[in-house]
Amino acid sequence: QKMVELCRPSSSPVPLTDVDHLCVLGESLGNYLSKQLDPVSFEVLTHKVNLSTTCWMHSFLGLPLSTKGYYRATKQRARLLLARLALFRQYPTAPSEGFHAFRDTTPLIFASRNLYWLEELRVDLGLPNKSIVIFRDTTHLTSLLEEFSHSLTHKPIMLVLYTGGWKEDFECDDIPSLVAIAEKYRLWCHIEGGGLISLGASMGVIPNSTREAILEADSILLNPLNRVYYTRIIPY
């Protein structure tokens, strides 16, 4: 019975969307051109593409007009790398000491939603069961941080914010206020789906103040670009 449960898929297969097909086309085209063009011509082409995409991300998403700070990884890998950076910032000896660095205090990750991947991230980081703290609003978060800031057994390290979509049913955290709180308490501020909310700001759907606040975050997972993330801090 246990073997059957292990072999059974955890979820139903998800068909490709139109965006997925475009991604496949783009990657296939890039591989094809890299084989057909001579090295010099291919370098000229990719340089132009890099400039165009960087300008696009700057114009629509409000990100810096520079290729520095952008990295490619799966969502799971990106989240793990960024959470490690947050952990290392509060525990400088963690890269060399490993789990022993936080044997006396429990690292805490605060999140605005009970996102499905948070538990998986906790396990990948090797953190204790109660390391994920869900808060309701800015008042609740401030109260929690005040409480834990004086604790000898817990240490806040990271704040995860969720931007959602930007349609008529737009739902989003109070990004400007929460980013300010993260800065005050020296938390690593990570924003999920920053690309969507920035795009919404460029179209006048949401206030520009929200997009400006996003750029103050330490890291952004750039949905709808999926495998691209941006961080002001250079990863290890």
C-alpha atoms as a PDB file:
ATOM      1  CA  GLN A   1       0.000   0.000   0.000  1.00  0.00           C
ATOM      2  CA  LYS A   2       2.818   2.424   0.902  1.00  0.00           C
ATOM      3  CA  MET A   3       4.606   1.670  -2.372  1.00  0.00           C
ATOM      4  CA  VAL A   4       1.429   2.451  -4.312  1.00  0.00           C
ATOM      5  CA  GLU A   5       1.109   5.807  -2.505  1.00  0.00           C
ATOM      6  CA  LEU A   6       4.731   6.671  -3.270  1.00  0.00           C
ATOM      7  CA  CYS A   7       4.307   5.902  -6.970  1.00  0.00           C
ATOM      8  CA  ARG A   8       1.079   7.832  -7.314  1.00  0.00           C
ATOM      9  CA  PRO A   9       1.612  11.362  -8.714  1.00  0.00           C
ATOM     10  CA  SER A  10       0.997  14.141  -6.180  1.00  0.00           C
ATOM     11  CA  SER A  11      -1.023  16.194  -8.664  1.00  0.00           C
ATOM     12  CA  SER A  12      -2.553  15.923 -12.111  1.00  0.00           C
ATOM     13  CA  PRO A  13      -0.406  16.820 -15.136  1.00  0.00           C
ATOM     14  CA  VAL A  14      -0.693  20.478 -16.119  1.00  0.00           C
ATOM     15  CA  PRO A  15      -1.042  21.163 -19.868  1.00  0.00           C
ATOM     16  CA  LEU A  16       1.079  23.842 -21.529  1.00  0.00           C
ATOM     17  CA  THR A  17      -0.375  27.328 -21.728  1.00  0.00           C
ATOM     18  CA  ASP A  18       0.038  29.730 -24.661  1.00  0.00           C
ATOM     19  CA  VAL A  19       2.834  31.445 -22.728  1.00  0.00           C
ATOM     20  CA  ASP A  20       4.585  28.088 -22.270  1.00  0.00           C
ATOM     21  CA  HIS A  21       4.423  27.495 -26.014  1.00  0.00           C
ATOM     22  CA  LEU A  22       5.972  30.922 -26.653  1.00  0.00           C
ATOM     23  CA  CYS A  23       8.774  30.097 -24.210  1.00  0.00           C
ATOM     24  CA  VAL A  24       9.430  26.816 -26.012  1.00  0.00           C
ATOM     25  CA  LEU A  25       9.482  28.644 -29.362  1.00  0.00           C
ATOM     26  CA  GLY A  26      11.901  31.284 -28.066  1.00  0.00           C
ATOM     27  CA  GLU A  27      14.298  28.733 -26.568  1.00  0.00           C
ATOM     28  CA  SER A  28      14.158  26.541 -29.678  1.00  0.00           C
ATOM     29  CA  LEU A  29      14.807  29.537 -31.923  1.00  0.00           C
ATOM     30  CA  GLY A  30      17.785  30.559 -29.797  1.00  0.00           C
ATOM     31  CA  ASN A  31      19.290  27.072 -30.005  1.00  0.00           C
ATOM     32  CA  TYR A  32      18.717  26.961 -33.767  1.00  0.00           C
ATOM     33  CA  LEU A  33      20.360  30.344 -34.402  1.00  0.00           C
ATOM     34  CA  SER A  34      23.345  29.454 -32.219  1.00  0.00           C
ATOM     35  CA  LYS A  35      24.039  26.548 -34.572  1.00  0.00           C
ATOM     36  CA  GLN A  36      23.329  28.348 -37.859  1.00  0.00           C
ATOM     37  CA  LEU A  37      25.132  31.655 -37.326  1.00  0.00           C
ATOM     38  CA  ASP A  38      28.861  32.156 -37.053  1.00  0.00           C
ATOM     39  CA  PRO A  39      30.090  33.141 -33.548  1.00  0.00           C
ATOM     40  CA  VAL A  40      30.544  36.843 -34.378  1.00  0.00           C
ATOM     41  CA  SER A  41      27.088  37.233 -35.956  1.00  0.00           C
ATOM     42  CA  PHE A  42      25.458  35.345 -33.089  1.00  0.00           C
ATOM     43  CA  GLU A  43      27.205  37.563 -30.523  1.00  0.00           C
ATOM     44  CA  VAL A  44      25.986  40.708 -32.324  1.00  0.00           C
ATOM     45  CA  LEU A  45      22.430  39.343 -32.418  1.00  0.00           C
ATOM     46  CA  THR A  46      22.351  38.327 -28.750  1.00  0.00           C
ATOM     47  CA  HIS A  47      23.801  41.689 -27.723  1.00  0.00           C
ATOM     48  CA  LYS A  48      20.922  43.464 -29.480  1.00  0.00           C
ATOM     49  CA  VAL A  49      18.401  41.091 -27.870  1.00  0.00           C
ATOM     50  CA  ASN A  50      19.950  41.700 -24.427  1.00  0.00           C
ATOM     51  CA  LEU A  51      19.644  45.453 -24.870  1.00  0.00           C
ATOM     52  CA  SER A  52      16.051  45.165 -26.072  1.00  0.00           C
ATOM     53  CA  THR A  53      14.864  42.917 -23.240  1.00  0.00           C
ATOM     54  CA  THR A  54      16.696  44.992 -20.619  1.00  0.00           C
ATOM     55  CA  CYS A  55      15.060  48.158 -21.965  1.00  0.00           C
ATOM     56  CA  TRP A  56      11.689  46.393 -21.897  1.00  0.00           C
ATOM     57  CA  MET A  57      12.098  45.347 -18.263  1.00  0.00           C
ATOM     58  CA  HIS A  58      13.173  48.889 -17.419  1.00  0.00           C
ATOM     59  CA  SER A  59      10.271  50.552 -19.250  1.00  0.00           C
ATOM     60  CA  PHE A  60       7.448  48.252 -18.173  1.00  0.00           C
ATOM     61  CA  LEU A  61       8.658  46.697 -14.945  1.00  0.00           C
ATOM     62  CA  GLY A  62      10.635  49.668 -13.651  1.00  0.00           C
ATOM     63  CA  LEU A  63      13.780  47.618 -13.036  1.00  0.00           C
ATOM     64  CA  PRO A  64      17.301  49.069 -13.363  1.00  0.00           C
ATOM     65  CA  LEU A  65      18.627  49.640 -16.872  1.00  0.00           C
ATOM     66  CA  SER A  66      21.409  47.129 -16.388  1.00  0.00           C
ATOM     67  CA  THR A  67      21.901  43.408 -16.890  1.00  0.00           C
ATOM     68  CA  LYS A  68      23.487  43.106 -13.427  1.00  0.00           C
ATOM     69  CA  GLY A  69      21.257  41.602 -10.794  1.00  0.00           C
ATOM     70  CA  TYR A  70      19.231  39.341 -13.097  1.00  0.00           C
ATOM     71  CA  TYR A  71      19.615  35.593 -12.676  1.00  0.00           C
ATOM     72  CA  ARG A  72      18.063  32.513 -14.217  1.00  0.00           C
ATOM     73  CA  ALA A  73      16.761  29.600 -12.152  1.00  0.00           C
ATOM     74  CA  THR A  74      13.642  27.576 -11.554  1.00  0.00           C
ATOM     75  CA  LYS A  75      11.254  29.143  -9.062  1.00  0.00           C
ATOM     76  CA  GLN A  76      12.145  26.551  -6.435  1.00  0.00           C
ATOM     77  CA  ARG A  77      15.882  27.062  -6.930  1.00  0.00           C
ATOM     78  CA  ALA A  78      15.588  30.867  -6.948  1.00  0.00           C
ATOM     79  CA  ARG A  79      13.568  30.904  -3.726  1.00  0.00           C
ATOM     80  CA  LEU A  80      16.074  28.608  -2.033  1.00  0.00           C
ATOM     81  CA  LEU A  81      19.080  30.707  -3.103  1.00  0.00           C
ATOM     82  CA  LEU A  82      17.444  33.934  -1.972  1.00  0.00           C
ATOM     83  CA  ALA A  83      16.314  32.476   1.361  1.00  0.00           C
ATOM     84  CA  ARG A  84      19.881  31.312   1.962  1.00  0.00           C
ATOM     85  CA  LEU A  85      21.130  34.840   1.343  1.00  0.00           C
ATOM     86  CA  ALA A  86      18.605  36.087   3.888  1.00  0.00           C
ATOM     87  CA  LEU A  87      19.776  33.429   6.343  1.00  0.00           C
ATOM     88  CA  PHE A  88      23.466  34.205   5.804  1.00  0.00           C
ATOM     89  CA  ARG A  89      22.869  37.928   6.349  1.00  0.00           C
ATOM     90  CA  GLN A  90      21.518  37.271   9.858  1.00  0.00           C
ATOM     91  CA  TYR A  91      23.833  34.332  10.523  1.00  0.00           C
ATOM     92  CA  PRO A  92      27.233  35.229   8.979  1.00  0.00           C
ATOM     93  CA  THR A  93      28.824  31.991  10.192  1.00  0.00           C
ATOM     94  CA  ALA A  94      26.151  29.771   8.588  1.00  0.00           C
ATOM     95  CA  PRO A  95      28.121  29.115   5.338  1.00  0.00           C
ATOM     96  CA  SER A  96      30.936  27.534   7.367  1.00  0.00           C
ATOM     97  CA  GLU A  97      29.095  26.211  10.437  1.00  0.00           C
ATOM     98  CA  GLY A  98      25.925  24.997   8.738  1.00  0.00           C
ATOM     99  CA  PHE A  99      23.019  24.176  11.073  1.00  0.00           C
ATOM    100  CA  HIS A 100      25.200  24.810  14.127  1.00  0.00           C
ATOM    101  CA  ALA A 101      25.065  28.551  13.365  1.00  0.00           C
ATOM    102  CA  PHE A 102      21.445  28.734  14.487  1.00  0.00           C
ATOM    103  CA  ARG A 103      21.368  26.036  17.119  1.00  0.00           C
ATOM    104  CA  ASP A 104      20.487  28.578  19.833  1.00  0.00           C
ATOM    105  CA  THR A 105      17.890  30.623  17.925  1.00  0.00           C
ATOM    106  CA  THR A 106      15.145  29.694  15.453  1.00  0.00           C
ATOM    107  CA  PRO A 107      15.236  31.653  12.157  1.00  0.00           C
ATOM    108  CA  LEU A 108      11.785  33.030  11.251  1.00  0.00           C
ATOM    109  CA  ILE A 109      10.345  33.704   7.786  1.00  0.00           C
ATOM    110  CA  PHE A 110       7.281  35.975   7.806  1.00  0.00           C
ATOM    111  CA  ALA A 111       4.813  35.620   4.932  1.00  0.00           C
ATOM    112  CA  SER A 112       1.665  37.515   3.984  1.00  0.00           C
ATOM    113  CA  ARG A 113      -0.022  34.355   2.687  1.00  0.00           C
ATOM    114  CA  ASN A 114       0.238  30.671   3.466  1.00  0.00           C
ATOM    115  CA  LEU A 115       1.811  30.005   0.075  1.00  0.00           C
ATOM    116  CA  TYR A 116       2.050  26.341  -0.935  1.00  0.00           C
ATOM    117  CA  TRP A 117       5.840  26.374  -1.401  1.00  0.00           C
ATOM    118  CA  LEU A 118       6.769  27.821   2.000  1.00  0.00           C
ATOM    119  CA  GLU A 119       6.795  24.454   3.768  1.00  0.00           C
ATOM    120  CA  GLU A 120       8.958  22.982   1.025  1.00  0.00           C
ATOM    121  CA  LEU A 121      11.346  25.928   1.373  1.00  0.00           C
ATOM    122  CA  ARG A 122      11.525  25.406   5.131  1.00  0.00           C
ATOM    123  CA  VAL A 123      12.455  21.752   4.657  1.00  0.00           C
ATOM    124  CA  ASP A 124      15.073  22.574   1.987  1.00  0.00           C
ATOM    125  CA  LEU A 125      16.671  25.106   4.353  1.00  0.00           C
ATOM    126  CA  GLY A 126      16.620  22.605   7.212  1.00  0.00           C
ATOM    127  CA  LEU A 127      14.688  24.954   9.510  1.00  0.00           C
ATOM    128  CA  PRO A 128      12.513  23.849  12.479  1.00  0.00           C
ATOM    129  CA  ASN A 129       8.744  23.300  12.123  1.00  0.00           C
ATOM    130  CA  LYS A 130       7.665  26.686  13.481  1.00  0.00           C
ATOM    131  CA  SER A 131       9.958  28.807  11.337  1.00  0.00           C
ATOM    132  CA  ILE A 132       7.156  30.052   9.028  1.00  0.00           C
ATOM    133  CA  VAL A 133       4.980  32.810  10.513  1.00  0.00           C
ATOM    134  CA  ILE A 134       1.877  34.039   8.656  1.00  0.00           C
ATOM    135  CA  PHE A 135       0.717  37.583   9.424  1.00  0.00           C
ATOM    136  CA  ARG A 136      -2.667  39.190   8.693  1.00  0.00           C
ATOM    137  CA  ASP A 137      -1.773  42.823   8.030  1.00  0.00           C
ATOM    138  CA  THR A 138       0.816  45.502   8.767  1.00  0.00           C
ATOM    139  CA  THR A 139      -0.389  45.975  12.350  1.00  0.00           C
ATOM    140  CA  HIS A 140      -0.152  42.262  13.064  1.00  0.00           C
ATOM    141  CA  LEU A 141       3.308  42.051  11.461  1.00  0.00           C
ATOM    142  CA  THR A 142       4.634  45.007  13.466  1.00  0.00           C
ATOM    143  CA  SER A 143       3.304  43.451  16.674  1.00  0.00           C
ATOM    144  CA  LEU A 144       4.985  40.129  15.894  1.00  0.00           C
ATOM    145  CA  LEU A 145       8.298  41.731  15.009  1.00  0.00           C
ATOM    146  CA  GLU A 146       8.291  43.815  18.176  1.00  0.00           C
ATOM    147  CA  GLU A 147       7.722  40.648  20.158  1.00  0.00           C
ATOM    148  CA  PHE A 148      10.407  38.589  18.409  1.00  0.00           C
ATOM    149  CA  SER A 149      12.959  41.400  18.235  1.00  0.00           C
ATOM    150  CA  HIS A 150      13.471  41.028  21.993  1.00  0.00           C
ATOM    151  CA  SER A 151      13.447  37.229  21.901  1.00  0.00           C
ATOM    152  CA  LEU A 152      16.562  35.229  22.754  1.00  0.00           C
ATOM    153  CA  THR A 153      15.254  32.100  21.039  1.00  0.00           C
ATOM    154  CA  HIS A 154      13.917  33.443  17.709  1.00  0.00           C
ATOM    155  CA  LYS A 155      15.398  35.676  15.007  1.00  0.00           C
ATOM    156  CA  PRO A 156      13.353  37.147  12.103  1.00  0.00           C
ATOM    157  CA  ILE A 157      15.292  36.856   8.838  1.00  0.00           C
ATOM    158  CA  MET A 158      12.936  37.251   5.881  1.00  0.00           C
ATOM    159  CA  LEU A 159       9.667  38.833   4.753  1.00  0.00           C
ATOM    160  CA  VAL A 160       7.807  37.263   1.811  1.00  0.00           C
ATOM    161  CA  LEU A 161       5.176  39.399   0.064  1.00  0.00           C
ATOM    162  CA  TYR A 162       2.662  38.337  -2.576  1.00  0.00           C
ATOM    163  CA  THR A 163       1.483  40.631  -5.353  1.00  0.00           C
ATOM    164  CA  GLY A 164      -1.145  38.493  -7.079  1.00  0.00           C
ATOM    165  CA  GLY A 165      -2.523  39.684 -10.385  1.00  0.00           C
ATOM    166  CA  TRP A 166      -3.464  43.103 -11.720  1.00  0.00           C
ATOM    167  CA  LYS A 167      -6.903  42.603 -13.290  1.00  0.00           C
ATOM    168  CA  GLU A 168     -10.198  44.015 -12.010  1.00  0.00           C
ATOM    169  CA  ASP A 169     -10.131  41.536  -9.148  1.00  0.00           C
ATOM    170  CA  PHE A 170      -6.659  42.815  -8.235  1.00  0.00           C
ATOM    171  CA  GLU A 171      -5.461  41.658  -4.851  1.00  0.00           C
ATOM    172  CA  CYS A 172      -2.165  42.772  -3.403  1.00  0.00           C
ATOM    173  CA  ASP A 173      -0.406  43.344  -0.129  1.00  0.00           C
ATOM    174  CA  ASP A 174       0.256  46.874   1.102  1.00  0.00           C
ATOM    175  CA  ILE A 175       3.691  46.770  -0.509  1.00  0.00           C
ATOM    176  CA  PRO A 176       4.957  50.288   0.407  1.00  0.00           C
ATOM    177  CA  SER A 177       4.162  49.873   4.121  1.00  0.00           C
ATOM    178  CA  LEU A 178       5.497  46.319   4.319  1.00  0.00           C
ATOM    179  CA  VAL A 179       8.747  47.155   2.513  1.00  0.00           C
ATOM    180  CA  ALA A 180       9.280  50.007   5.004  1.00  0.00           C
ATOM    181  CA  ILE A 181       8.708  47.585   7.898  1.00  0.00           C
ATOM    182  CA  ALA A 182      11.215  45.130   6.432  1.00  0.00           C
ATOM    183  CA  GLU A 183      13.802  47.900   6.192  1.00  0.00           C
ATOM    184  CA  LYS A 184      13.166  49.025   9.760  1.00  0.00           C
ATOM    185  CA  TYR A 185      13.676  45.533  11.187  1.00  0.00           C
ATOM    186  CA  ARG A 186      16.473  44.646   8.746  1.00  0.00           C
ATOM    187  CA  LEU A 187      14.572  41.748   7.156  1.00  0.00           C
ATOM    188  CA  TRP A 188      15.352  40.424   3.715  1.00  0.00           C
ATOM    189  CA  CYS A 189      12.322  41.527   1.686  1.00  0.00           C
ATOM    190  CA  HIS A 190      11.324  39.116  -1.094  1.00  0.00           C
ATOM    191  CA  ILE A 191       8.411  39.840  -3.439  1.00  0.00           C
ATOM    192  CA  GLU A 192       6.616  37.152  -5.427  1.00  0.00           C
ATOM    193  CA  GLY A 193       5.225  38.129  -8.820  1.00  0.00           C
ATOM    194  CA  GLY A 194       6.823  41.570  -8.920  1.00  0.00           C
ATOM    195  CA  GLY A 195       6.712  41.599 -12.710  1.00  0.00           C
ATOM    196  CA  LEU A 196       2.921  41.431 -12.839  1.00  0.00           C
ATOM    197  CA  ILE A 197       2.348  44.216 -10.362  1.00  0.00           C
ATOM    198  CA  SER A 198       4.940  46.464 -12.044  1.00  0.00           C
ATOM    199  CA  LEU A 199       3.300  45.843 -15.389  1.00  0.00           C
ATOM    200  CA  GLY A 200      -0.027  46.776 -13.818  1.00  0.00           C
ATOM    201  CA  ALA A 201       1.490  50.031 -12.561  1.00  0.00           C
ATOM    202  CA  SER A 202       2.801  50.893 -16.021  1.00  0.00           C
ATOM    203  CA  MET A 203      -0.737  50.469 -17.363  1.00  0.00           C
ATOM    204  CA  GLY A 204      -2.261  52.680 -14.689  1.00  0.00           C
ATOM    205  CA  VAL A 205      -4.066  49.817 -12.941  1.00  0.00           C
ATOM    206  CA  ILE A 206      -2.281  50.377  -9.621  1.00  0.00           C
ATOM    207  CA  PRO A 207      -0.383  53.335  -8.075  1.00  0.00           C
ATOM    208  CA  ASN A 208       3.206  53.983  -9.146  1.00  0.00           C
ATOM    209  CA  SER A 209       4.114  54.189  -5.454  1.00  0.00           C
ATOM    210  CA  THR A 210       3.630  50.425  -5.273  1.00  0.00           C
ATOM    211  CA  ARG A 211       6.017  49.788  -8.147  1.00  0.00           C
ATOM    212  CA  GLU A 212       8.569  52.153  -6.614  1.00  0.00           C
ATOM    213  CA  ALA A 213       8.323  50.281  -3.333  1.00  0.00           C
ATOM    214  CA  ILE A 214       8.953  46.981  -5.092  1.00  0.00           C
ATOM    215  CA  LEU A 215      12.324  48.269  -6.278  1.00  0.00           C
ATOM    216  CA  GLU A 216      13.332  48.747  -2.644  1.00  0.00           C
ATOM    217  CA  ALA A 217      12.941  44.999  -2.030  1.00  0.00           C
ATOM    218  CA  ASP A 218      16.021  42.795  -1.777  1.00  0.00           C
ATOM    219  CA  SER A 219      14.721  40.315  -4.338  1.00  0.00           C
ATOM    220  CA  ILE A 220      11.858  39.926  -6.807  1.00  0.00           C
ATOM    221  CA  LEU A 221      10.602  36.825  -8.577  1.00  0.00           C
ATOM    222  CA  LEU A 222       9.756  38.236 -11.986  1.00  0.00           C
ATOM    223  CA  ASN A 223       6.466  36.646 -12.957  1.00  0.00           C
ATOM    224  CA  PRO A 224       5.419  36.371 -15.737  1.00  0.00           C
ATOM    225  CA  LEU A 225       9.041  35.755 -16.767  1.00  0.00           C
ATOM    226  CA  ASN A 226       8.961  32.591 -14.633  1.00  0.00           C
ATOM    227  CA  ARG A 227      12.610  31.533 -14.597  1.00  0.00           C
ATOM    228  CA  VAL A 228      14.098  34.989 -14.058  1.00  0.00           C
ATOM    229  CA  TYR A 229      14.586  36.698 -10.744  1.00  0.00           C
ATOM    230  CA  TYR A 230      16.190  39.967  -9.715  1.00  0.00           C
ATOM    231  CA  THR A 231      18.114  40.785  -6.570  1.00  0.00           C
ATOM    232  CA  ARG A 232      19.980  43.856  -5.403  1.00  0.00           C
ATOM    233  CA  ILE A 233      22.344  41.524  -3.536  1.00  0.00           C
ATOM    234  CA  ILE A 234      24.750  39.438  -5.643  1.00  0.00           C
ATOM    235  CA  PRO A 235      24.134  35.721  -4.869  1.00  0.00           C
ATOM    236  CA  TYR A 236      26.993  33.502  -3.748  1.00  0.00           C
END
